[in-house]
Amino acid sequence: MTMSEHEMLEVSLRYAPIVLFDQNEPFYPDLVGVSLFEQPGPSSSFRREIQFPTEIVQFVIEYAIWWDYEIGHLYEMEHVWIHVGHDGQVVDCEASFHGRVLRGLLKEKTNLMGQRVCLYSQPGKHAFSPLPVVFELLPNLYTAAGPDAGEAGLLVNEMFEDYFQTNEQIDHKVKAYLQTKAFIPSMEFEEYIWKPEMFITWDKLFTLIPQRIEKCLAELE
């Protein structure tokens, strides 16, 4: 089974996770880059191999969720991986958490609503967890969203270092802007409603990213 781009995006919408954000959250997703794995293989957008037993899992949908900003720096990308069985039911879920990967599906699948996994997004920082109490274990839960807002300036990781760079002046402008968005997490969460037009292929998202960074920097001038 090889899906067309249109079919893949339709499937990705059907299984898109239910994401809950803090009621005081200043930044919501801008785009979602979708990839679909019918065989195990390397991710193009996250440093990991997507592994799964093909006798149980029909395909894995990878959601590379893009924000132009998070509270600590310019641009953010977090990931969700939904494992779909041959019967069309969700078998497993994984989600990114500050560069690491957490299990996204609770035991007994208590956070699975039909075909959609329910995940919480860390206030301001956007790491995912099936349980919001996990965020309470982070020592910088409140300082990251408040006094430390903007401290990382324009993030440049190895995936994008050939496309844009930063400097002290840029970082200062980013920090000044993000300081205006500083907030106190309420730890009360509400569902974010996805717009279908946000879902595009990962390849398309990747080509758009440098333009989005350029646009954000122009707006800070």
Protein backbone atom coordinates (compact mmCIF):
# COMPACT_ATOMS: atom_id res chain seq x y z
CA MET A 1 0.00 0.00 0.00
CA THR A 2 1.47 3.32 -1.08
CA MET A 3 -0.62 6.39 -0.34
CA SER A 4 -0.85 9.49 -2.47
CA GLU A 5 0.04 12.80 -0.81
CA HIS A 6 -3.66 13.66 -0.55
CA GLU A 7 -4.47 10.30 1.10
CA MET A 8 -1.55 10.66 3.53
CA LEU A 9 -2.72 14.11 4.65
CA GLU A 10 -6.29 12.84 5.07
CA VAL A 11 -5.06 9.95 7.21
CA SER A 12 -2.85 12.29 9.24
CA LEU A 13 -5.85 14.48 10.02
CA ARG A 14 -7.92 11.48 11.10
CA TYR A 15 -5.27 10.36 13.59
CA ALA A 16 -3.98 13.82 14.60
CA PRO A 17 -3.40 13.91 18.37
CA ILE A 18 -5.69 15.90 20.62
CA VAL A 19 -3.30 18.47 22.10
CA LEU A 20 -4.16 20.44 25.24
CA PHE A 21 -2.44 23.77 25.91
CA ASP A 22 -2.19 25.87 29.03
CA GLN A 23 -4.93 28.51 29.15
CA ASN A 24 -2.23 31.22 29.32
CA GLU A 25 -0.19 29.79 26.40
CA PRO A 26 1.04 32.58 24.08
CA PHE A 27 2.12 30.40 21.12
CA TYR A 28 0.16 27.80 19.18
CA PRO A 29 1.35 25.59 16.28
CA ASP A 30 1.76 27.19 12.86
CA LEU A 31 2.23 24.15 10.60
CA VAL A 32 2.52 20.37 10.78
CA GLY A 33 4.94 18.46 8.54
CA VAL A 34 3.69 14.92 7.97
CA SER A 35 5.64 11.78 7.04
CA LEU A 36 4.27 8.24 6.83
CA PHE A 37 6.32 5.10 7.41
CA GLU A 38 5.09 1.79 6.01
CA GLN A 39 8.46 0.23 6.86
CA PRO A 40 10.90 1.05 9.69
CA GLY A 41 13.46 3.68 8.75
CA PRO A 42 15.18 6.94 9.75
CA SER A 43 13.19 10.08 10.45
CA SER A 44 14.05 13.09 8.26
CA SER A 45 13.12 15.62 10.94
CA PHE A 46 14.22 14.01 14.23
CA ARG A 47 17.41 12.17 15.07
CA ARG A 48 16.00 8.67 15.49
CA GLU A 49 15.08 5.46 13.70
CA ILE A 50 11.35 4.76 13.51
CA GLN A 51 11.10 1.12 14.61
CA PHE A 52 7.95 -1.00 14.70
CA PRO A 53 6.85 -4.62 14.16
CA THR A 54 5.24 -4.70 10.70
CA GLU A 55 3.16 -7.74 11.62
CA ILE A 56 1.34 -5.56 14.18
CA VAL A 57 1.73 -2.02 12.83
CA GLN A 58 0.55 -1.11 9.32
CA PHE A 59 2.15 2.35 9.34
CA VAL A 60 3.49 5.08 11.59
CA ILE A 61 2.48 8.71 11.06
CA GLU A 62 5.14 11.23 12.05
CA TYR A 63 3.90 14.73 12.91
CA ALA A 64 6.65 17.37 12.94
CA ILE A 65 4.77 20.19 14.65
CA TRP A 66 6.18 23.65 13.92
CA TRP A 67 5.86 26.87 15.91
CA ASP A 68 7.45 30.13 14.79
CA TYR A 69 8.10 30.79 18.48
CA GLU A 70 8.25 29.13 21.85
CA ILE A 71 8.76 31.13 25.03
CA GLY A 72 12.51 30.49 25.13
CA HIS A 73 13.55 31.07 21.52
CA LEU A 74 12.59 31.79 17.94
CA TYR A 75 11.10 28.62 16.36
CA GLU A 76 10.19 25.30 17.82
CA MET A 77 9.58 21.82 16.46
CA GLU A 78 8.15 18.96 18.49
CA HIS A 79 7.08 15.53 17.27
CA VAL A 80 4.34 12.96 17.72
CA TRP A 81 4.44 9.44 16.26
CA ILE A 82 1.18 7.51 15.94
CA HIS A 83 1.43 3.74 15.30
CA VAL A 84 -1.62 2.41 13.46
CA GLY A 85 -2.45 -1.31 13.35
CA HIS A 86 -3.71 -3.33 10.38
CA ASP A 87 -7.24 -2.98 11.77
CA GLY A 88 -7.00 0.83 11.70
CA GLN A 89 -6.75 1.12 15.49
CA VAL A 90 -4.02 3.04 17.31
CA VAL A 91 -1.46 0.58 18.66
CA ASP A 92 1.04 2.99 20.20
CA CYS A 93 2.11 6.63 20.40
CA GLU A 94 5.40 8.36 21.11
CA ALA A 95 6.04 12.06 21.61
CA SER A 96 9.06 14.34 21.86
CA PHE A 97 10.09 15.86 25.16
CA HIS A 98 13.04 18.29 24.96
CA GLY A 99 14.92 16.18 22.44
CA ARG A 100 14.00 12.88 24.05
CA VAL A 101 11.08 10.57 23.32
CA LEU A 102 8.31 9.65 25.79
CA ARG A 103 5.62 7.04 25.47
CA GLY A 104 2.49 8.96 24.52
CA LEU A 105 -0.09 6.23 25.17
CA LEU A 106 -0.92 5.42 28.77
CA LYS A 107 -1.36 1.88 30.07
CA GLU A 108 -4.88 0.62 29.26
CA LYS A 109 -4.97 3.38 26.59
CA THR A 110 -6.93 5.66 28.90
CA ASN A 111 -5.87 8.75 26.93
CA LEU A 112 -7.06 7.35 23.58
CA MET A 113 -10.25 9.01 22.38
CA GLY A 114 -11.46 6.90 19.44
CA GLN A 115 -8.54 7.11 17.01
CA ARG A 116 -6.89 10.12 18.64
CA VAL A 117 -4.33 10.19 21.43
CA CYS A 118 -4.70 12.96 24.01
CA LEU A 119 -1.44 14.78 24.88
CA TYR A 120 -0.56 17.82 26.98
CA SER A 121 1.86 20.52 25.82
CA GLN A 122 4.28 22.03 28.35
CA PRO A 123 3.31 25.69 28.93
CA GLY A 124 5.42 27.88 26.66
CA LYS A 125 7.97 25.15 25.91
CA HIS A 126 5.65 22.68 24.11
CA ALA A 127 7.24 19.35 25.10
CA PHE A 128 4.55 16.64 25.07
CA SER A 129 3.35 14.32 27.80
CA PRO A 130 0.25 12.17 28.29
CA LEU A 131 0.16 13.42 31.90
CA PRO A 132 0.40 17.12 32.83
CA VAL A 133 1.82 16.22 36.25
CA VAL A 134 5.11 15.41 34.46
CA PHE A 135 5.61 19.14 33.83
CA GLU A 136 5.39 19.77 37.59
CA LEU A 137 8.59 17.72 37.94
CA LEU A 138 10.57 20.22 35.85
CA PRO A 139 12.46 22.67 38.09
CA ASN A 140 12.15 25.46 35.49
CA LEU A 141 8.45 25.03 34.69
CA TYR A 142 7.63 28.57 35.86
CA THR A 143 10.96 30.37 35.35
CA ALA A 144 11.19 29.21 31.69
CA ALA A 145 7.86 30.89 30.95
CA GLY A 146 8.64 33.98 33.03
CA PRO A 147 12.04 35.54 33.83
CA ASP A 148 13.95 33.28 31.41
CA ALA A 149 11.72 34.05 28.41
CA GLY A 150 13.77 34.51 25.24
CA GLU A 151 17.07 33.49 26.79
CA ALA A 152 18.05 31.25 23.82
CA GLY A 153 17.44 33.90 21.12
CA LEU A 154 17.31 32.40 17.62
CA LEU A 155 17.85 28.67 17.91
CA VAL A 156 20.19 27.21 15.25
CA ASN A 157 20.52 23.44 15.25
CA GLU A 158 22.48 21.29 12.82
CA MET A 159 19.43 20.67 10.59
CA PHE A 160 19.21 24.37 9.75
CA GLU A 161 22.75 25.70 10.17
CA ASP A 162 23.24 25.86 6.38
CA TYR A 163 20.09 27.99 6.02
CA PHE A 164 20.39 30.65 8.72
CA GLN A 165 22.67 31.84 11.50
CA THR A 166 22.32 34.07 14.51
CA ASN A 167 24.37 36.70 16.32
CA GLU A 168 24.25 38.77 19.50
CA GLN A 169 22.08 41.46 17.91
CA ILE A 170 19.49 38.97 16.61
CA ASP A 171 19.41 37.12 19.92
CA HIS A 172 18.88 40.39 21.77
CA LYS A 173 15.89 41.31 19.55
CA VAL A 174 14.35 37.87 19.96
CA LYS A 175 14.77 38.02 23.73
CA ALA A 176 13.28 41.52 23.94
CA TYR A 177 10.22 40.33 22.01
CA LEU A 178 9.76 37.12 24.00
CA GLN A 179 10.09 39.00 27.29
CA THR A 180 6.84 40.74 26.29
CA LYS A 181 5.20 37.28 26.05
CA ALA A 182 6.36 36.06 29.47
CA PHE A 183 3.52 34.51 31.49
CA ILE A 184 2.64 32.43 34.52
CA PRO A 185 1.42 28.94 33.59
CA SER A 186 -2.09 28.32 34.91
CA MET A 187 -1.72 24.52 34.63
CA GLU A 188 -5.31 24.53 33.42
CA PHE A 189 -5.47 23.06 29.94
CA GLU A 190 -7.82 23.29 26.97
CA GLU A 191 -7.96 21.50 23.63
CA TYR A 192 -6.41 23.12 20.57
CA ILE A 193 -8.46 22.73 17.38
CA TRP A 194 -6.33 21.87 14.35
CA LYS A 195 -7.01 23.55 11.01
CA PRO A 196 -6.77 21.08 8.08
CA GLU A 197 -4.71 23.52 5.99
CA MET A 198 -1.91 23.38 8.60
CA PHE A 199 -1.07 19.82 7.55
CA ILE A 200 1.51 19.56 4.74
CA THR A 201 4.22 17.07 3.86
CA TRP A 202 7.48 17.28 5.79
CA ASP A 203 9.36 18.08 2.56
CA LYS A 204 7.16 21.12 1.98
CA LEU A 205 7.51 22.28 5.57
CA PHE A 206 11.29 21.97 5.41
CA THR A 207 11.46 24.27 2.37
CA LEU A 208 9.23 26.84 4.10
CA ILE A 209 11.21 27.04 7.36
CA PRO A 210 14.01 29.43 6.25
CA GLN A 211 11.36 31.78 4.79
CA ARG A 212 9.42 31.74 8.05
CA ILE A 213 12.56 32.51 10.05
CA GLU A 214 13.38 35.39 7.68
CA LYS A 215 9.85 36.76 8.03
CA CYS A 216 10.00 36.62 11.86
CA LEU A 217 13.35 38.43 11.89
CA ALA A 218 12.00 41.11 9.51
CA GLU A 219 9.04 41.66 11.85
CA LEU A 220 11.42 42.20 14.78
CA GLU A 221 13.21 45.06 12.97
